[in-house]
Amino acid sequence: MKILVVGGGGREHAIVHKLSQSPKVDKIYCAPGNAGISQLADCIDINVSNIDELKRFALMSGIDITVVGPEVPLIQGIVDEFENAGLKIFGPRSAAAAIEGSKNFSKCLLQKYNIPTGRYKAFNKYEEALKFLKEIWYPVAVKADGLAQGKGVFLVKSFTEAKEAIDLMMKEKIFGTSGDTIIIEEMLFGKEVSVLAFTDGETIVPMISAMDYKKIYEGDKGPNTGGMGNVAPNPYFDEKLQVEVMEKILKPVINSLRKEGIEYKGVLYAGLMLTREGPKVLEFNARFGDPETQVILPLLKTDLVDIMEAIIDGNLNKVNIEWEDKKAVCVVAASEGYPGKYVTGFEITGFDDLKDVFVYHAGSALKNGKIVTSGGRVLALTALGNSYDEARKKVYKELKKINFKGMYYRKDIGIV
């Protein structure tokens, strides 16, 4: 079997690594890939948004299944295009991917079908948003409607902070057209949990839960990032909550999409807040999370190819998905300055001495035979253990062996 993975980050490296373990897989291609992925797959220099070129490559190369990592091509309609060409592809069609592509679409759906989430209002006119901000109680969350690489949420405590946020989004256009419409939402308090689920539009199978560390600095301080680490399973997410989330959130959202004439196939990512009133939806993503994938997939025992084939064919109910009974801790090593401006091109060393960890490349490239930094989040290291503490000690011990100029990582991942 030939597989094409679309993407070039740590999430895609984790997907490629897990697919490479399947006895069904003969060859893996990755577009565009990265230095780490190139050790397991043939990297193809095609941008993730170039759907026509990706489709042409899949047809010419006899690709059996294409797996889409990032959200952008999903929202642009890569699944629709591939299916129309008779190609098998893993991920939701564009109409379903709108659950991530537009927070307004997502919130409207949740409100219409009484799925628990924070109260909100959407605005596409600056003056109206400003007027509303003068009339409300704080704190609130101000969000860009469209994609913003995990950075489009401002948690504000005053009118002054809120005005700064909408100025950045609606006037300065820091997120481009993604900030043309904004969401002003009630602030939810509690513990966050990331719940990813496999679904074929009928059957829903949750994965191991995860806890994300979004802030750049220890103690959850500083600006939001795409994620500085994870632990799995989430220590605050017990079996009772699992049942509640399945019955009140996961099943209702898949069913509500179906009622709207939208079939959802692939991975549904629910970012939840465990409030005093119960779990509430913060956001949905239409794909594997990053870096959640890097902490969840190492715990998967079942062949990922079997799961993906079953979802594409609508037979997920026939697959028994099993997980390792262990804890996982993932820590991200980033470039100095991330999530702001940073410099790349520094050599990364220390790979040869690593033991008992999974190393996922996120922002790396090959240059003159050397592996160098090429992004903000550079690497993610994941370790498994019988306890969070055991996994945590393993990952930090090995992380000390890695080195590149300006390397930064949080020291408090996995303290639970």
Protein backbone atom coordinates (compact mmCIF):
# COMPACT_ATOMS: atom_id res chain seq x y z
CA MET A 1 0.00 0.00 0.00
CA LYS A 2 1.22 3.51 -0.91
CA ILE A 3 0.28 6.38 1.38
CA LEU A 4 0.62 10.13 0.92
CA VAL A 5 0.66 12.31 4.05
CA VAL A 6 -0.02 16.01 3.50
CA GLY A 7 1.87 18.35 5.85
CA GLY A 8 5.31 18.99 7.23
CA GLY A 9 5.12 19.41 11.00
CA GLY A 10 5.41 17.40 14.18
CA ARG A 11 1.86 16.12 13.83
CA GLU A 12 2.64 14.72 10.39
CA HIS A 13 5.87 13.15 11.65
CA ALA A 14 3.86 11.35 14.36
CA ILE A 15 1.31 10.20 11.76
CA VAL A 16 4.04 9.01 9.36
CA HIS A 17 5.81 7.18 12.18
CA LYS A 18 2.64 5.36 13.24
CA LEU A 19 1.72 4.48 9.63
CA SER A 20 5.23 3.15 9.04
CA GLN A 21 4.59 0.52 11.73
CA SER A 22 1.74 -1.03 9.71
CA PRO A 23 2.54 -4.25 7.82
CA LYS A 24 0.12 -3.06 5.13
CA VAL A 25 2.30 -0.08 4.17
CA ASP A 26 4.97 -0.47 1.51
CA LYS A 27 5.74 3.17 0.75
CA ILE A 28 5.03 6.54 2.36
CA TYR A 29 5.30 9.94 0.69
CA CYS A 30 4.98 13.23 2.54
CA ALA A 31 4.33 16.66 1.06
CA PRO A 32 6.29 18.70 1.91
CA GLY A 33 7.66 16.79 4.94
CA ASN A 34 10.71 17.81 6.97
CA ALA A 35 14.16 16.53 7.97
CA GLY A 36 12.79 14.00 10.48
CA ILE A 37 10.02 12.74 8.22
CA SER A 38 12.57 12.18 5.42
CA GLN A 39 14.01 9.28 7.44
CA LEU A 40 10.70 7.40 7.07
CA ALA A 41 9.15 8.76 3.87
CA ASP A 42 9.99 10.30 0.52
CA CYS A 43 9.45 14.04 0.92
CA ILE A 44 7.78 15.71 -2.05
CA ASP A 45 8.17 19.46 -2.54
CA ILE A 46 4.49 20.37 -2.90
CA ASN A 47 2.80 23.02 -0.77
CA VAL A 48 -0.15 21.79 1.34
CA SER A 49 -2.43 24.35 -0.35
CA ASN A 50 -1.57 23.24 -3.88
CA ILE A 51 -4.48 20.80 -4.13
CA ASP A 52 -4.26 20.34 -7.91
CA GLU A 53 -0.59 19.38 -7.74
CA LEU A 54 -1.19 17.04 -4.78
CA LYS A 55 -4.03 15.37 -6.66
CA ARG A 56 -1.88 15.00 -9.78
CA PHE A 57 0.89 13.39 -7.73
CA ALA A 58 -1.55 10.99 -6.03
CA LEU A 59 -3.00 9.89 -9.37
CA MET A 60 0.40 9.46 -11.07
CA SER A 61 1.97 7.64 -8.12
CA GLY A 62 -0.89 5.20 -7.51
CA ILE A 63 -1.50 6.43 -3.96
CA ASP A 64 -3.93 4.16 -2.09
CA ILE A 65 -4.76 6.55 0.78
CA THR A 66 -3.98 10.23 1.32
CA VAL A 67 -3.92 11.47 4.92
CA VAL A 68 -4.36 15.20 5.50
CA GLY A 69 -2.62 16.71 8.54
CA PRO A 70 -3.18 20.51 8.47
CA GLU A 71 -6.49 22.35 8.56
CA VAL A 72 -5.92 24.69 5.61
CA PRO A 73 -6.23 22.14 2.76
CA LEU A 74 -9.23 20.53 4.51
CA ILE A 75 -11.05 23.86 4.62
CA GLN A 76 -10.01 24.55 1.01
CA GLY A 77 -11.70 21.30 -0.06
CA ILE A 78 -8.89 18.82 -0.69
CA VAL A 79 -11.11 15.89 0.37
CA ASP A 80 -13.88 16.92 -2.03
CA GLU A 81 -11.36 17.25 -4.89
CA PHE A 82 -9.69 13.90 -4.23
CA GLU A 83 -12.98 12.04 -3.84
CA ASN A 84 -14.26 13.53 -7.10
CA ALA A 85 -11.13 12.15 -8.76
CA GLY A 86 -11.81 8.68 -7.34
CA LEU A 87 -9.03 8.87 -4.75
CA LYS A 88 -9.31 7.59 -1.17
CA ILE A 89 -8.52 10.31 1.36
CA PHE A 90 -8.74 10.60 5.14
CA GLY A 91 -10.34 13.75 6.51
CA PRO A 92 -13.60 15.73 6.47
CA ARG A 93 -14.95 17.47 3.38
CA SER A 94 -14.87 21.28 3.29
CA ALA A 95 -18.46 21.70 4.54
CA ALA A 96 -17.61 19.64 7.64
CA ALA A 97 -14.19 21.28 8.11
CA ALA A 98 -16.01 24.62 8.52
CA ILE A 99 -16.43 23.58 12.14
CA GLU A 100 -12.81 24.71 12.49
CA GLY A 101 -12.64 27.19 9.63
CA SER A 102 -15.30 29.46 11.11
CA LYS A 103 -15.82 29.90 14.84
CA ASN A 104 -19.10 31.64 14.04
CA PHE A 105 -20.34 28.56 12.13
CA SER A 106 -19.26 26.35 15.03
CA LYS A 107 -20.89 28.53 17.70
CA CYS A 108 -24.12 28.85 15.71
CA LEU A 109 -24.29 25.06 15.40
CA LEU A 110 -23.69 24.58 19.13
CA GLN A 111 -26.30 27.17 20.03
CA LYS A 112 -28.90 25.82 17.62
CA TYR A 113 -28.65 22.27 18.97
CA ASN A 114 -28.14 23.19 22.65
CA ILE A 115 -24.64 21.74 22.90
CA PRO A 116 -22.89 23.22 25.98
CA THR A 117 -20.61 26.17 25.23
CA GLY A 118 -20.03 29.74 26.38
CA ARG A 119 -22.46 32.54 25.48
CA TYR A 120 -21.24 34.70 22.60
CA LYS A 121 -21.93 37.35 19.97
CA ALA A 122 -20.36 37.70 16.53
CA PHE A 123 -19.43 41.00 14.89
CA ASN A 124 -18.20 42.00 11.44
CA LYS A 125 -18.33 45.76 12.06
CA TYR A 126 -15.72 47.38 14.30
CA GLU A 127 -18.02 50.07 15.71
CA GLU A 128 -20.66 47.54 16.77
CA ALA A 129 -18.06 45.35 18.47
CA LEU A 130 -16.61 48.37 20.28
CA LYS A 131 -20.07 49.45 21.49
CA PHE A 132 -20.75 45.94 22.81
CA LEU A 133 -17.43 45.88 24.66
CA LYS A 134 -18.43 49.04 26.54
CA GLU A 135 -21.61 47.39 27.82
CA ILE A 136 -20.40 44.00 29.08
CA TRP A 137 -18.81 42.52 32.19
CA TYR A 138 -15.22 41.28 32.12
CA PRO A 139 -13.28 39.05 31.67
CA VAL A 140 -14.21 37.81 28.18
CA ALA A 141 -12.56 35.96 25.30
CA VAL A 142 -12.14 37.78 21.99
CA LYS A 143 -11.55 35.43 19.06
CA ALA A 144 -10.83 35.71 15.36
CA ASP A 145 -13.51 33.89 13.37
CA GLY A 146 -11.10 32.22 10.97
CA LEU A 147 -7.80 30.36 11.17
CA ALA A 148 -4.99 31.96 13.18
CA GLN A 149 -2.53 29.10 13.87
CA GLY A 150 -3.78 28.71 17.44
CA LYS A 151 -3.03 32.35 18.27
CA GLY A 152 -6.37 34.01 17.48
CA VAL A 153 -7.75 34.07 21.03
CA PHE A 154 -7.32 37.00 23.42
CA LEU A 155 -8.35 36.56 27.06
CA VAL A 156 -9.05 40.10 28.22
CA LYS A 157 -9.79 41.53 31.67
CA SER A 158 -10.85 45.08 30.77
CA PHE A 159 -12.31 47.27 28.05
CA THR A 160 -8.82 48.62 27.30
CA GLU A 161 -7.42 45.12 26.67
CA ALA A 162 -10.49 44.17 24.63
CA LYS A 163 -10.18 47.27 22.43
CA GLU A 164 -6.50 46.47 21.82
CA ALA A 165 -7.51 42.96 20.72
CA ILE A 166 -10.17 44.06 18.24
CA ASP A 167 -7.87 46.82 16.94
CA LEU A 168 -5.23 44.18 16.17
CA MET A 169 -7.72 41.89 14.44
CA MET A 170 -10.16 44.23 12.72
CA LYS A 171 -7.97 47.28 11.99
CA GLU A 172 -4.36 46.08 11.83
CA LYS A 173 -5.44 42.75 10.29
CA ILE A 174 -2.78 40.70 12.08
CA PHE A 175 -4.70 37.55 11.09
CA GLY A 176 -5.69 38.80 7.64
CA THR A 177 -9.27 38.04 6.63
CA SER A 178 -9.60 35.62 9.58
CA GLY A 179 -10.27 38.69 11.74
CA ASP A 180 -12.93 40.24 9.50
CA THR A 181 -15.48 38.68 11.82
CA ILE A 182 -14.78 38.34 15.53
CA ILE A 183 -16.41 36.43 18.37
CA ILE A 184 -16.82 37.95 21.82
CA GLU A 185 -17.47 35.11 24.21
CA GLU A 186 -18.03 34.61 27.90
CA MET A 187 -14.89 33.45 29.69
CA LEU A 188 -15.07 29.85 30.84
CA PHE A 189 -13.18 28.75 33.94
CA GLY A 190 -11.93 25.30 34.95
CA LYS A 191 -9.50 22.71 33.64
CA GLU A 192 -8.97 22.35 29.89
CA VAL A 193 -9.06 18.99 28.15
CA SER A 194 -8.40 17.97 24.55
CA VAL A 195 -10.62 15.13 23.38
CA LEU A 196 -9.95 13.75 19.90
CA ALA A 197 -12.23 11.17 18.35
CA PHE A 198 -12.27 8.98 15.27
CA THR A 199 -15.59 9.05 13.42
CA ASP A 200 -17.04 7.80 10.14
CA GLY A 201 -20.11 10.01 10.51
CA GLU A 202 -22.03 7.36 12.46
CA THR A 203 -19.70 5.59 14.89
CA ILE A 204 -17.61 7.77 17.22
CA VAL A 205 -14.57 6.38 19.05
CA PRO A 206 -12.76 8.79 21.41
CA MET A 207 -8.99 8.61 21.62
CA ILE A 208 -6.96 8.91 24.81
CA SER A 209 -7.57 12.41 26.21
CA ALA A 210 -4.77 14.97 26.47
CA MET A 211 -3.90 18.12 28.40
CA ASP A 212 -2.28 20.90 26.37
CA TYR A 213 0.14 23.56 27.60
CA LYS A 214 -0.61 26.53 25.34
CA LYS A 215 1.30 29.38 27.00
CA ILE A 216 4.95 29.99 26.19
CA TYR A 217 6.23 30.28 29.78
CA GLU A 218 6.16 28.11 32.90
CA GLY A 219 3.08 28.45 35.06
CA ASP A 220 0.95 29.06 31.96
CA LYS A 221 2.16 32.62 31.53
CA GLY A 222 2.85 34.71 28.46
CA PRO A 223 1.22 34.63 25.01
CA ASN A 224 -0.56 31.66 23.49
CA THR A 225 1.40 29.35 21.21
CA GLY A 226 0.47 26.42 19.00
CA GLY A 227 1.28 24.26 22.04
CA MET A 228 4.42 23.79 24.15
CA GLY A 229 3.67 20.27 25.34
CA ASN A 230 1.08 17.72 26.37
CA VAL A 231 0.34 14.88 28.73
CA ALA A 232 -1.95 11.93 28.04
CA PRO A 233 -4.30 10.84 29.37
CA ASN A 234 -5.55 14.10 30.87
CA PRO A 235 -5.31 13.61 34.68
CA TYR A 236 -8.52 15.60 35.26
CA PHE A 237 -10.64 13.63 32.77
CA ASP A 238 -12.18 10.54 34.39
CA GLU A 239 -14.58 7.88 33.04
CA LYS A 240 -17.66 9.77 34.24
CA LEU A 241 -16.58 12.84 32.28
CA GLN A 242 -15.80 10.67 29.25
CA VAL A 243 -19.39 9.42 29.20
CA GLU A 244 -20.76 12.94 29.69
CA VAL A 245 -18.66 14.35 26.85
CA MET A 246 -19.71 11.54 24.53
CA GLU A 247 -23.43 11.95 25.28
CA LYS A 248 -23.62 15.75 25.52
CA ILE A 249 -20.99 16.90 23.02
CA LEU A 250 -19.45 14.37 20.61
CA LYS A 251 -22.61 12.49 19.60
CA PRO A 252 -24.78 15.64 19.43
CA VAL A 253 -22.32 17.56 17.24
CA ILE A 254 -21.92 14.72 14.71
CA ASN A 255 -25.71 14.22 14.70
CA SER A 256 -26.37 17.96 14.36
CA LEU A 257 -24.04 18.19 11.38
CA ARG A 258 -25.91 15.27 9.80
CA LYS A 259 -29.20 17.13 10.34
CA GLU A 260 -27.65 20.06 8.50
CA GLY A 261 -26.84 17.73 5.59
CA ILE A 262 -23.14 17.46 6.46
CA GLU A 263 -21.38 14.11 6.90
CA TYR A 264 -18.30 14.27 9.13
CA LYS A 265 -15.55 11.70 8.52
CA GLY A 266 -12.06 11.76 10.00
CA VAL A 267 -10.81 13.11 13.32
CA LEU A 268 -12.87 15.54 15.37
CA TYR A 269 -10.91 17.48 17.97
CA ALA A 270 -12.90 19.01 20.83
CA GLY A 271 -11.17 21.58 23.00
CA LEU A 272 -13.21 21.60 26.22
CA MET A 273 -13.34 23.43 29.53
CA LEU A 274 -14.36 21.39 32.57
CA THR A 275 -16.54 24.01 34.30
CA ARG A 276 -18.65 23.77 37.46
CA GLU A 277 -21.68 23.25 35.23
CA GLY A 278 -19.95 20.43 33.34
CA PRO A 279 -17.85 20.20 30.16
CA LYS A 280 -18.32 23.04 27.66
CA VAL A 281 -16.90 23.49 24.17
CA LEU A 282 -14.13 26.04 23.66
CA GLU A 283 -13.42 25.12 20.05
CA PHE A 284 -13.44 22.35 17.48
CA ASN A 285 -10.67 21.35 15.10
CA ALA A 286 -11.29 19.25 12.02
CA ARG A 287 -8.11 17.16 12.27
CA PHE A 288 -5.46 15.69 14.53
CA GLY A 289 -4.15 18.26 17.03
CA ASP A 290 -0.59 19.53 17.21
CA PRO A 291 1.14 18.63 19.52
CA GLU A 292 -1.68 16.39 20.86
CA THR A 293 -0.98 13.86 18.10
CA GLN A 294 2.62 13.54 19.27
CA VAL A 295 1.47 12.46 22.74
CA ILE A 296 -1.58 10.38 21.76
CA LEU A 297 -0.44 8.25 18.81
CA PRO A 298 2.49 6.64 20.70
CA LEU A 299 -0.18 5.11 22.97
CA LEU A 300 -2.18 3.61 20.07
CA LYS A 301 -1.87 -0.17 19.77
CA THR A 302 -4.28 -0.73 16.86
CA ASP A 303 -3.02 -0.40 13.28
CA LEU A 304 -3.75 3.20 12.22
CA VAL A 305 -4.22 2.10 8.62
CA ASP A 306 -7.06 -0.22 9.68
CA ILE A 307 -8.75 2.67 11.48
CA MET A 308 -8.40 5.06 8.56
CA GLU A 309 -9.64 2.53 6.01
CA ALA A 310 -12.66 1.77 8.19
CA ILE A 311 -13.53 5.47 8.49
CA ILE A 312 -13.22 6.05 4.74
CA ASP A 313 -15.41 2.99 4.04
CA GLY A 314 -17.92 3.74 6.83
CA ASN A 315 -17.06 0.61 8.83
CA LEU A 316 -15.55 2.05 12.02
CA ASN A 317 -17.93 -0.03 14.12
CA LYS A 318 -16.04 -3.15 12.98
CA VAL A 319 -12.66 -2.02 14.39
CA ASN A 320 -11.64 -2.63 18.01
CA ILE A 321 -9.35 0.27 18.90
CA GLU A 322 -6.90 -0.48 21.72
CA TRP A 323 -4.50 1.72 23.70
CA GLU A 324 -1.40 1.24 25.85
CA ASP A 325 -2.11 1.41 29.59
CA LYS A 326 0.63 4.00 30.13
CA LYS A 327 1.16 7.70 30.63
CA ALA A 328 2.77 9.92 27.99
CA VAL A 329 4.51 13.28 28.32
CA CYS A 330 5.46 15.43 25.32
CA VAL A 331 7.70 18.54 25.49
CA VAL A 332 8.23 20.96 22.61
CA ALA A 333 11.60 22.58 21.95
CA ALA A 334 11.16 25.98 20.28
CA SER A 335 13.26 28.68 18.67
CA GLU A 336 14.18 31.69 20.80
CA GLY A 337 11.57 34.42 20.32
CA TYR A 338 8.67 32.10 19.43
CA PRO A 339 5.69 32.77 19.20
CA GLY A 340 6.99 36.16 18.05
CA LYS A 341 9.89 36.75 15.70
CA TYR A 342 12.66 34.16 15.63
CA VAL A 343 15.73 33.25 13.58
CA THR A 344 16.19 29.86 11.88
CA GLY A 345 19.02 27.95 10.21
CA PHE A 346 20.82 26.76 13.35
CA GLU A 347 22.23 23.23 13.39
CA ILE A 348 20.46 20.75 15.69
CA THR A 349 22.68 18.17 17.40
CA GLY A 350 22.31 15.34 19.91
CA PHE A 351 20.02 12.94 18.06
CA ASP A 352 22.46 10.01 18.15
CA ASP A 353 22.47 9.78 21.96
CA LEU A 354 18.69 9.71 22.51
CA LYS A 355 17.13 6.66 24.17
CA ASP A 356 13.58 5.53 24.91
CA VAL A 357 11.84 8.61 23.48
CA PHE A 358 9.93 9.44 20.33
CA VAL A 359 11.43 12.43 18.48
CA TYR A 360 9.07 14.32 16.20
CA HIS A 361 10.41 17.07 13.95
CA ALA A 362 8.18 20.11 13.55
CA GLY A 363 10.41 22.86 12.20
CA SER A 364 13.54 21.24 10.79
CA ALA A 365 15.21 21.05 7.39
CA LEU A 366 18.23 19.45 5.74
CA LYS A 367 20.94 21.91 4.69
CA ASN A 368 24.34 20.85 3.42
CA GLY A 369 23.90 17.44 5.04
CA LYS A 370 23.00 18.91 8.43
CA ILE A 371 19.66 19.14 10.23
CA VAL A 372 18.87 22.79 10.96
CA THR A 373 15.99 24.72 12.51
CA SER A 374 13.33 26.00 10.10
CA GLY A 375 10.39 26.98 12.32
CA GLY A 376 9.17 28.29 15.64
CA ARG A 377 8.38 24.93 17.18
CA VAL A 378 11.35 22.80 16.19
CA LEU A 379 11.04 19.39 17.89
CA ALA A 380 8.70 17.47 20.17
CA LEU A 381 10.02 14.69 22.40
CA THR A 382 7.57 12.15 23.86
CA ALA A 383 8.25 9.53 26.52
CA LEU A 384 6.02 6.81 27.96
CA GLY A 385 5.97 5.59 31.53
CA ASN A 386 3.88 3.83 34.16
CA SER A 387 3.35 7.24 35.79
CA TYR A 388 3.43 10.85 34.66
CA ASP A 389 6.53 11.38 36.77
CA GLU A 390 8.38 8.45 35.16
CA ALA A 391 7.51 9.67 31.65
CA ARG A 392 8.40 13.25 32.59
CA LYS A 393 11.84 12.33 33.95
CA LYS A 394 12.60 10.33 30.81
CA VAL A 395 11.68 13.11 28.39
CA TYR A 396 13.59 15.86 30.22
CA LYS A 397 16.67 13.66 30.63
CA GLU A 398 16.78 13.11 26.86
CA LEU A 399 15.85 16.69 25.98
CA LYS A 400 19.04 17.89 27.67
CA LYS A 401 21.01 16.01 25.00
CA ILE A 402 19.46 18.06 22.19
CA ASN A 403 21.07 21.37 21.33
CA PHE A 404 20.57 24.26 18.92
CA LYS A 405 21.22 27.98 19.29
CA GLY A 406 18.41 29.71 21.19
CA MET A 407 16.67 26.44 22.10
CA TYR A 408 13.83 27.02 24.57
CA TYR A 409 11.37 24.67 26.28
CA ARG A 410 9.10 24.78 29.29
CA LYS A 411 10.38 23.00 32.39
CA ASP A 412 6.97 22.28 33.96
CA ILE A 413 5.30 19.95 31.43
CA GLY A 414 3.86 16.87 33.12
CA ILE A 415 3.78 18.10 36.71
CA VAL A 416 0.33 16.84 37.68
